[in-house]
Amino acid sequence: FPVNEVWYYASTKVEFLMTSVFPTFEQEYRP
């Protein structure tokens, strides 16, 4: 039952704020 994160699906309306504090979040935490 896969559901994508909000910022990824609705990128024009929602911003992924995490990377403004942890810039390498996608590279280090995503795995």
PDB file of all heavy atoms in Angstrom:
ATOM      1  N   PHE A   1       0.850  -1.190   0.000  1.00  0.00           N
ATOM      2  CA  PHE A   1       0.000   0.000   0.000  1.00  0.00           C
ATOM      3  C   PHE A   1       0.891   1.247   0.000  1.00  0.00           C
ATOM      4  O   PHE A   1       0.869   2.048   0.928  1.00  0.00           O
ATOM      5  CB  PHE A   1      -0.932  -0.001   1.220  1.00  0.00           C
ATOM      6  CG  PHE A   1      -2.007   1.047   1.177  1.00  0.00           C
ATOM      7  CD1 PHE A   1      -3.154   0.872   0.411  1.00  0.00           C
ATOM      8  CD2 PHE A   1      -1.869   2.224   1.905  1.00  0.00           C
ATOM      9  CE1 PHE A   1      -4.147   1.836   0.368  1.00  0.00           C
ATOM     10  CE2 PHE A   1      -2.854   3.201   1.870  1.00  0.00           C
ATOM     11  CZ  PHE A   1      -3.990   3.011   1.100  1.00  0.00           C
ATOM     12  N   PRO A   2       1.722   1.406  -1.029  1.00  0.00           N
ATOM     13  CA  PRO A   2       2.678   2.525  -1.055  1.00  0.00           C
ATOM     14  C   PRO A   2       1.992   3.879  -1.252  1.00  0.00           C
ATOM     15  O   PRO A   2       1.103   4.023  -2.087  1.00  0.00           O
ATOM     16  CB  PRO A   2       3.577   2.194  -2.246  1.00  0.00           C
ATOM     17  CG  PRO A   2       2.733   1.342  -3.128  1.00  0.00           C
ATOM     18  CD  PRO A   2       1.847   0.545  -2.222  1.00  0.00           C
ATOM     19  N   VAL A   3       2.411   4.832  -0.453  1.00  0.00           N
ATOM     20  CA  VAL A   3       1.914   6.210  -0.546  1.00  0.00           C
ATOM     21  C   VAL A   3       3.120   7.140  -0.489  1.00  0.00           C
ATOM     22  O   VAL A   3       3.920   7.067   0.445  1.00  0.00           O
ATOM     23  CB  VAL A   3       0.951   6.542   0.610  1.00  0.00           C
ATOM     24  CG1 VAL A   3       0.506   8.005   0.532  1.00  0.00           C
ATOM     25  CG2 VAL A   3      -0.271   5.615   0.589  1.00  0.00           C
ATOM     26  N   ASN A   4       3.261   8.005  -1.475  1.00  0.00           N
ATOM     27  CA  ASN A   4       4.402   8.921  -1.531  1.00  0.00           C
ATOM     28  C   ASN A   4       4.256  10.067  -0.535  1.00  0.00           C
ATOM     29  O   ASN A   4       3.143  10.453  -0.172  1.00  0.00           O
ATOM     30  CB  ASN A   4       4.551   9.504  -2.941  1.00  0.00           C
ATOM     31  CG  ASN A   4       5.101   8.492  -3.923  1.00  0.00           C
ATOM     32  OD1 ASN A   4       6.103   7.828  -3.654  1.00  0.00           O
ATOM     33  ND2 ASN A   4       4.433   8.345  -5.055  1.00  0.00           N
ATOM     34  N   GLU A   5       5.396  10.605  -0.123  1.00  0.00           N
ATOM     35  CA  GLU A   5       5.385  11.738   0.796  1.00  0.00           C
ATOM     36  C   GLU A   5       4.729  12.948   0.136  1.00  0.00           C
ATOM     37  O   GLU A   5       4.780  13.107  -1.088  1.00  0.00           O
ATOM     38  CB  GLU A   5       6.809  12.055   1.240  1.00  0.00           C
ATOM     39  CG  GLU A   5       7.421  10.930   2.085  1.00  0.00           C
ATOM     40  CD  GLU A   5       8.831  11.223   2.542  1.00  0.00           C
ATOM     41  OE1 GLU A   5       9.337  12.335   2.242  1.00  0.00           O
ATOM     42  OE2 GLU A   5       9.436  10.358   3.201  1.00  0.00           O
ATOM     43  N   VAL A   6       4.146  13.798   0.955  1.00  0.00           N
ATOM     44  CA  VAL A   6       3.338  14.902   0.450  1.00  0.00           C
ATOM     45  C   VAL A   6       4.143  15.829  -0.454  1.00  0.00           C
ATOM     46  O   VAL A   6       3.700  16.196  -1.546  1.00  0.00           O
ATOM     47  CB  VAL A   6       2.730  15.709   1.619  1.00  0.00           C
ATOM     48  CG1 VAL A   6       1.834  16.820   1.082  1.00  0.00           C
ATOM     49  CG2 VAL A   6       1.938  14.796   2.543  1.00  0.00           C
ATOM     50  N   TRP A   7       5.312  16.237  -0.008  1.00  0.00           N
ATOM     51  CA  TRP A   7       6.122  17.194  -0.772  1.00  0.00           C
ATOM     52  C   TRP A   7       6.498  16.658  -2.152  1.00  0.00           C
ATOM     53  O   TRP A   7       6.632  17.410  -3.111  1.00  0.00           O
ATOM     54  CB  TRP A   7       7.400  17.553  -0.008  1.00  0.00           C
ATOM     55  CG  TRP A   7       8.369  16.406   0.120  1.00  0.00           C
ATOM     56  CD1 TRP A   7       8.414  15.469   1.093  1.00  0.00           C
ATOM     57  CD2 TRP A   7       9.425  16.076  -0.787  1.00  0.00           C
ATOM     58  NE1 TRP A   7       9.423  14.560   0.866  1.00  0.00           N
ATOM     59  CE2 TRP A   7      10.065  14.917  -0.285  1.00  0.00           C
ATOM     60  CE3 TRP A   7       9.903  16.647  -1.974  1.00  0.00           C
ATOM     61  CZ2 TRP A   7      11.143  14.321  -0.915  1.00  0.00           C
ATOM     62  CZ3 TRP A   7      10.976  16.044  -2.606  1.00  0.00           C
ATOM     63  CH2 TRP A   7      11.595  14.907  -2.075  1.00  0.00           C
ATOM     64  N   TYR A   8       6.640  15.333  -2.248  1.00  0.00           N
ATOM     65  CA  TYR A   8       7.027  14.709  -3.515  1.00  0.00           C
ATOM     66  C   TYR A   8       5.847  14.685  -4.487  1.00  0.00           C
ATOM     67  O   TYR A   8       6.017  14.905  -5.684  1.00  0.00           O
ATOM     68  CB  TYR A   8       7.529  13.295  -3.241  1.00  0.00           C
ATOM     69  CG  TYR A   8       8.033  12.565  -4.463  1.00  0.00           C
ATOM     70  CD1 TYR A   8       9.301  12.830  -4.960  1.00  0.00           C
ATOM     71  CD2 TYR A   8       7.249  11.609  -5.098  1.00  0.00           C
ATOM     72  CE1 TYR A   8       9.775  12.160  -6.077  1.00  0.00           C
ATOM     73  CE2 TYR A   8       7.711  10.938  -6.218  1.00  0.00           C
ATOM     74  CZ  TYR A   8       8.973  11.219  -6.701  1.00  0.00           C
ATOM     75  OH  TYR A   8       9.446  10.560  -7.813  1.00  0.00           O
ATOM     76  N   TYR A   9       4.648  14.444  -3.947  1.00  0.00           N
ATOM     77  CA  TYR A   9       3.468  14.360  -4.805  1.00  0.00           C
ATOM     78  C   TYR A   9       2.915  15.743  -5.144  1.00  0.00           C
ATOM     79  O   TYR A   9       2.530  16.000  -6.285  1.00  0.00           O
ATOM     80  CB  TYR A   9       2.384  13.530  -4.105  1.00  0.00           C
ATOM     81  CG  TYR A   9       1.118  13.382  -4.911  1.00  0.00           C
ATOM     82  CD1 TYR A   9       1.027  12.423  -5.923  1.00  0.00           C
ATOM     83  CD2 TYR A   9       0.013  14.196  -4.664  1.00  0.00           C
ATOM     84  CE1 TYR A   9      -0.131  12.285  -6.671  1.00  0.00           C
ATOM     85  CE2 TYR A   9      -1.148  14.060  -5.407  1.00  0.00           C
ATOM     86  CZ  TYR A   9      -1.221  13.107  -6.401  1.00  0.00           C
ATOM     87  OH  TYR A   9      -2.370  12.977  -7.147  1.00  0.00           O
ATOM     88  N   ALA A  10       2.877  16.617  -4.140  1.00  0.00           N
ATOM     89  CA  ALA A  10       2.307  17.955  -4.352  1.00  0.00           C
ATOM     90  C   ALA A  10       3.401  19.004  -4.225  1.00  0.00           C
ATOM     91  O   ALA A  10       3.328  19.931  -3.412  1.00  0.00           O
ATOM     92  CB  ALA A  10       1.190  18.218  -3.338  1.00  0.00           C
ATOM     93  N   SER A  11       4.434  18.885  -5.042  1.00  0.00           N
ATOM     94  CA  SER A  11       5.617  19.747  -4.931  1.00  0.00           C
ATOM     95  C   SER A  11       5.326  21.215  -5.244  1.00  0.00           C
ATOM     96  O   SER A  11       6.071  22.104  -4.823  1.00  0.00           O
ATOM     97  CB  SER A  11       6.724  19.235  -5.854  1.00  0.00           C
ATOM     98  OG  SER A  11       6.265  19.180  -7.198  1.00  0.00           O
ATOM     99  N   THR A  12       4.259  21.488  -5.963  1.00  0.00           N
ATOM    100  CA  THR A  12       3.930  22.880  -6.291  1.00  0.00           C
ATOM    101  C   THR A  12       3.233  23.587  -5.134  1.00  0.00           C
ATOM    102  O   THR A  12       3.157  24.814  -5.119  1.00  0.00           O
ATOM    103  CB  THR A  12       3.019  22.935  -7.528  1.00  0.00           C
ATOM    104  OG1 THR A  12       1.817  22.191  -7.266  1.00  0.00           O
ATOM    105  CG2 THR A  12       3.727  22.350  -8.731  1.00  0.00           C
ATOM    106  N   LYS A  13       2.740  22.813  -4.167  1.00  0.00           N
ATOM    107  CA  LYS A  13       2.011  23.393  -3.042  1.00  0.00           C
ATOM    108  C   LYS A  13       2.706  23.206  -1.701  1.00  0.00           C
ATOM    109  O   LYS A  13       2.515  23.990  -0.778  1.00  0.00           O
ATOM    110  CB  LYS A  13       0.606  22.777  -2.964  1.00  0.00           C
ATOM    111  CG  LYS A  13      -0.253  23.025  -4.190  1.00  0.00           C
ATOM    112  CD  LYS A  13      -1.614  22.363  -4.044  1.00  0.00           C
ATOM    113  CE  LYS A  13      -2.480  22.618  -5.280  1.00  0.00           C
ATOM    114  NZ  LYS A  13      -3.824  21.978  -5.146  1.00  0.00           N
ATOM    115  N   VAL A  14       3.482  22.156  -1.594  1.00  0.00           N
ATOM    116  CA  VAL A  14       4.127  21.817  -0.324  1.00  0.00           C
ATOM    117  C   VAL A  14       5.638  21.737  -0.527  1.00  0.00           C
ATOM    118  O   VAL A  14       6.114  21.093  -1.466  1.00  0.00           O
ATOM    119  CB  VAL A  14       3.612  20.473   0.224  1.00  0.00           C
ATOM    120  CG1 VAL A  14       4.340  20.101   1.511  1.00  0.00           C
ATOM    121  CG2 VAL A  14       2.107  20.535   0.469  1.00  0.00           C
ATOM    122  N   GLU A  15       6.373  22.375   0.365  1.00  0.00           N
ATOM    123  CA  GLU A  15       7.835  22.367   0.283  1.00  0.00           C
ATOM    124  C   GLU A  15       8.411  21.398   1.313  1.00  0.00           C
ATOM    125  O   GLU A  15       7.889  21.280   2.424  1.00  0.00           O
ATOM    126  CB  GLU A  15       8.368  23.775   0.549  1.00  0.00           C
ATOM    127  CG  GLU A  15       9.876  23.899   0.411  1.00  0.00           C
ATOM    128  CD  GLU A  15      10.361  25.310   0.681  1.00  0.00           C
ATOM    129  OE1 GLU A  15       9.516  26.234   0.742  1.00  0.00           O
ATOM    130  OE2 GLU A  15      11.587  25.489   0.848  1.00  0.00           O
ATOM    131  N   PHE A  16       9.469  20.719   0.941  1.00  0.00           N
ATOM    132  CA  PHE A  16      10.153  19.822   1.870  1.00  0.00           C
ATOM    133  C   PHE A  16      11.128  20.647   2.704  1.00  0.00           C
ATOM    134  O   PHE A  16      12.248  20.926   2.283  1.00  0.00           O
ATOM    135  CB  PHE A  16      10.887  18.728   1.094  1.00  0.00           C
ATOM    136  CG  PHE A  16      11.474  17.656   1.965  1.00  0.00           C
ATOM    137  CD1 PHE A  16      10.781  17.150   3.045  1.00  0.00           C
ATOM    138  CD2 PHE A  16      12.732  17.139   1.677  1.00  0.00           C
ATOM    139  CE1 PHE A  16      11.320  16.151   3.842  1.00  0.00           C
ATOM    140  CE2 PHE A  16      13.280  16.142   2.460  1.00  0.00           C
ATOM    141  CZ  PHE A  16      12.579  15.646   3.542  1.00  0.00           C
ATOM    142  N   LEU A  17      10.693  21.044   3.882  1.00  0.00           N
ATOM    143  CA  LEU A  17      11.454  21.997   4.696  1.00  0.00           C
ATOM    144  C   LEU A  17      12.664  21.371   5.384  1.00  0.00           C
ATOM    145  O   LEU A  17      13.555  22.089   5.849  1.00  0.00           O
ATOM    146  CB  LEU A  17      10.538  22.634   5.743  1.00  0.00           C
ATOM    147  CG  LEU A  17       9.343  23.425   5.205  1.00  0.00           C
ATOM    148  CD1 LEU A  17       8.509  23.973   6.366  1.00  0.00           C
ATOM    149  CD2 LEU A  17       9.820  24.557   4.307  1.00  0.00           C
ATOM    150  N   MET A  18      12.690  20.049   5.474  1.00  0.00           N
ATOM    151  CA  MET A  18      13.759  19.380   6.202  1.00  0.00           C
ATOM    152  C   MET A  18      15.143  19.744   5.671  1.00  0.00           C
ATOM    153  O   MET A  18      16.101  19.918   6.440  1.00  0.00           O
ATOM    154  CB  MET A  18      13.561  17.863   6.110  1.00  0.00           C
ATOM    155  CG  MET A  18      14.594  17.049   6.850  1.00  0.00           C
ATOM    156  SD  MET A  18      14.384  17.130   8.635  1.00  0.00           S
ATOM    157  CE  MET A  18      12.870  16.165   8.790  1.00  0.00           C
ATOM    158  N   THR A  19      15.278  19.858   4.369  1.00  0.00           N
ATOM    159  CA  THR A  19      16.596  20.075   3.779  1.00  0.00           C
ATOM    160  C   THR A  19      17.168  21.460   4.082  1.00  0.00           C
ATOM    161  O   THR A  19      18.361  21.684   3.892  1.00  0.00           O
ATOM    162  CB  THR A  19      16.542  19.874   2.258  1.00  0.00           C
ATOM    163  OG1 THR A  19      15.495  20.683   1.701  1.00  0.00           O
ATOM    164  CG2 THR A  19      16.279  18.422   1.921  1.00  0.00           C
ATOM    165  N   SER A  20      16.334  22.378   4.546  1.00  0.00           N
ATOM    166  CA  SER A  20      16.854  23.695   4.917  1.00  0.00           C
ATOM    167  C   SER A  20      17.613  23.641   6.239  1.00  0.00           C
ATOM    168  O   SER A  20      18.427  24.513   6.537  1.00  0.00           O
ATOM    169  CB  SER A  20      15.708  24.708   5.022  1.00  0.00           C
ATOM    170  OG  SER A  20      14.821  24.363   6.065  1.00  0.00           O
ATOM    171  N   VAL A  21      17.372  22.590   7.025  1.00  0.00           N
ATOM    172  CA  VAL A  21      18.069  22.394   8.302  1.00  0.00           C
ATOM    173  C   VAL A  21      19.119  21.295   8.174  1.00  0.00           C
ATOM    174  O   VAL A  21      20.233  21.421   8.678  1.00  0.00           O
ATOM    175  CB  VAL A  21      17.066  22.040   9.425  1.00  0.00           C
ATOM    176  CG1 VAL A  21      17.794  21.815  10.750  1.00  0.00           C
ATOM    177  CG2 VAL A  21      16.018  23.140   9.567  1.00  0.00           C
ATOM    178  N   PHE A  22      18.744  20.207   7.508  1.00  0.00           N
ATOM    179  CA  PHE A  22      19.669  19.097   7.255  1.00  0.00           C
ATOM    180  C   PHE A  22      19.821  18.953   5.736  1.00  0.00           C
ATOM    181  O   PHE A  22      19.092  18.167   5.103  1.00  0.00           O
ATOM    182  CB  PHE A  22      19.139  17.797   7.866  1.00  0.00           C
ATOM    183  CG  PHE A  22      19.041  17.816   9.367  1.00  0.00           C
ATOM    184  CD1 PHE A  22      17.809  17.938   9.999  1.00  0.00           C
ATOM    185  CD2 PHE A  22      20.183  17.716  10.149  1.00  0.00           C
ATOM    186  CE1 PHE A  22      17.712  17.961  11.377  1.00  0.00           C
ATOM    187  CE2 PHE A  22      20.107  17.740  11.531  1.00  0.00           C
ATOM    188  CZ  PHE A  22      18.865  17.862  12.153  1.00  0.00           C
ATOM    189  N   PRO A  23      20.742  19.683   5.130  1.00  0.00           N
ATOM    190  CA  PRO A  23      20.892  19.706   3.659  1.00  0.00           C
ATOM    191  C   PRO A  23      21.154  18.341   3.036  1.00  0.00           C
ATOM    192  O   PRO A  23      20.781  18.104   1.885  1.00  0.00           O
ATOM    193  CB  PRO A  23      22.077  20.654   3.445  1.00  0.00           C
ATOM    194  CG  PRO A  23      22.128  21.490   4.677  1.00  0.00           C
ATOM    195  CD  PRO A  23      21.684  20.593   5.791  1.00  0.00           C
ATOM    196  N   THR A  24      21.801  17.437   3.773  1.00  0.00           N
ATOM    197  CA  THR A  24      22.148  16.126   3.206  1.00  0.00           C
ATOM    198  C   THR A  24      21.135  15.052   3.619  1.00  0.00           C
ATOM    199  O   THR A  24      21.422  13.858   3.551  1.00  0.00           O
ATOM    200  CB  THR A  24      23.555  15.701   3.669  1.00  0.00           C
ATOM    201  OG1 THR A  24      23.584  15.635   5.112  1.00  0.00           O
ATOM    202  CG2 THR A  24      24.601  16.687   3.188  1.00  0.00           C
ATOM    203  N   PHE A  25      19.965  15.477   4.041  1.00  0.00           N
ATOM    204  CA  PHE A  25      18.948  14.529   4.529  1.00  0.00           C
ATOM    205  C   PHE A  25      18.624  13.456   3.497  1.00  0.00           C
ATOM    206  O   PHE A  25      18.573  12.269   3.810  1.00  0.00           O
ATOM    207  CB  PHE A  25      17.671  15.292   4.909  1.00  0.00           C
ATOM    208  CG  PHE A  25      16.572  14.420   5.439  1.00  0.00           C
ATOM    209  CD1 PHE A  25      16.500  14.133   6.792  1.00  0.00           C
ATOM    210  CD2 PHE A  25      15.606  13.892   4.592  1.00  0.00           C
ATOM    211  CE1 PHE A  25      15.480  13.322   7.294  1.00  0.00           C
ATOM    212  CE2 PHE A  25      14.587  13.090   5.075  1.00  0.00           C
ATOM    213  CZ  PHE A  25      14.526  12.809   6.430  1.00  0.00           C
ATOM    214  N   GLU A  26      18.407  13.867   2.251  1.00  0.00           N
ATOM    215  CA  GLU A  26      18.015  12.913   1.216  1.00  0.00           C
ATOM    216  C   GLU A  26      19.118  11.896   0.931  1.00  0.00           C
ATOM    217  O   GLU A  26      18.834  10.727   0.654  1.00  0.00           O
ATOM    218  CB  GLU A  26      17.643  13.653  -0.071  1.00  0.00           C
ATOM    219  CG  GLU A  26      16.276  14.287  -0.044  1.00  0.00           C
ATOM    220  CD  GLU A  26      15.176  13.255   0.135  1.00  0.00           C
ATOM    221  OE1 GLU A  26      14.907  12.492  -0.801  1.00  0.00           O
ATOM    222  OE2 GLU A  26      14.590  13.196   1.229  1.00  0.00           O
ATOM    223  N   GLN A  27      20.355  12.297   1.020  1.00  0.00           N
ATOM    224  CA  GLN A  27      21.458  11.389   0.739  1.00  0.00           C
ATOM    225  C   GLN A  27      21.743  10.450   1.914  1.00  0.00           C
ATOM    226  O   GLN A  27      22.089   9.284   1.717  1.00  0.00           O
ATOM    227  CB  GLN A  27      22.739  12.183   0.410  1.00  0.00           C
ATOM    228  CG  GLN A  27      22.704  12.952  -0.897  1.00  0.00           C
ATOM    229  CD  GLN A  27      21.846  14.203  -0.828  1.00  0.00           C
ATOM    230  OE1 GLN A  27      21.753  14.840   0.233  1.00  0.00           O
ATOM    231  NE2 GLN A  27      21.211  14.557  -1.934  1.00  0.00           N
ATOM    232  N   GLU A  28      21.578  10.939   3.140  1.00  0.00           N
ATOM    233  CA  GLU A  28      21.980  10.159   4.309  1.00  0.00           C
ATOM    234  C   GLU A  28      20.815   9.432   4.984  1.00  0.00           C
ATOM    235  O   GLU A  28      20.994   8.333   5.510  1.00  0.00           O
ATOM    236  CB  GLU A  28      22.670  11.082   5.322  1.00  0.00           C
ATOM    237  CG  GLU A  28      23.967  11.680   4.798  1.00  0.00           C
ATOM    238  CD  GLU A  28      24.646  12.570   5.811  1.00  0.00           C
ATOM    239  OE1 GLU A  28      23.997  12.902   6.822  1.00  0.00           O
ATOM    240  OE2 GLU A  28      25.816  12.939   5.603  1.00  0.00           O
ATOM    241  N   TYR A  29      19.647  10.048   5.004  1.00  0.00           N
ATOM    242  CA  TYR A  29      18.515   9.467   5.726  1.00  0.00           C
ATOM    243  C   TYR A  29      17.614   8.629   4.825  1.00  0.00           C
ATOM    244  O   TYR A  29      17.019   7.654   5.277  1.00  0.00           O
ATOM    245  CB  TYR A  29      17.697  10.593   6.372  1.00  0.00           C
ATOM    246  CG  TYR A  29      16.638  10.120   7.348  1.00  0.00           C
ATOM    247  CD1 TYR A  29      16.961   9.874   8.678  1.00  0.00           C
ATOM    248  CD2 TYR A  29      15.321   9.928   6.943  1.00  0.00           C
ATOM    249  CE1 TYR A  29      16.007   9.458   9.587  1.00  0.00           C
ATOM    250  CE2 TYR A  29      14.355   9.503   7.840  1.00  0.00           C
ATOM    251  CZ  TYR A  29      14.704   9.274   9.150  1.00  0.00           C
ATOM    252  OH  TYR A  29      13.743   8.847  10.041  1.00  0.00           O
ATOM    253  N   ARG A  30      17.528   8.994   3.555  1.00  0.00           N
ATOM    254  CA  ARG A  30      16.605   8.313   2.645  1.00  0.00           C
ATOM    255  C   ARG A  30      16.847   6.812   2.526  1.00  0.00           C
ATOM    256  O   ARG A  30      15.897   6.035   2.413  1.00  0.00           O
ATOM    257  CB  ARG A  30      16.662   8.981   1.262  1.00  0.00           C
ATOM    258  CG  ARG A  30      15.652   8.429   0.284  1.00  0.00           C
ATOM    259  CD  ARG A  30      14.239   8.559   0.829  1.00  0.00           C
ATOM    260  NE  ARG A  30      13.841   9.942   1.037  1.00  0.00           N
ATOM    261  CZ  ARG A  30      12.767  10.297   1.728  1.00  0.00           C
ATOM    262  NH1 ARG A  30      11.991   9.380   2.277  1.00  0.00           N
ATOM    263  NH2 ARG A  30      12.464  11.575   1.874  1.00  0.00           N
ATOM    264  N   PRO A  31      18.117   6.345   2.556  1.00  0.00           N
ATOM    265  CA  PRO A  31      18.324   4.893   2.480  1.00  0.00           C
ATOM    266  C   PRO A  31      17.692   4.126   3.646  1.00  0.00           C
ATOM    267  O   PRO A  31      17.534   2.907   3.568  1.00  0.00           O
ATOM    268  CB  PRO A  31      19.864   4.767   2.518  1.00  0.00           C
ATOM    269  CG  PRO A  31      20.345   6.052   1.936  1.00  0.00           C
ATOM    270  CD  PRO A  31      19.390   7.079   2.453  1.00  0.00           C
TER     271      PRO A  31
END
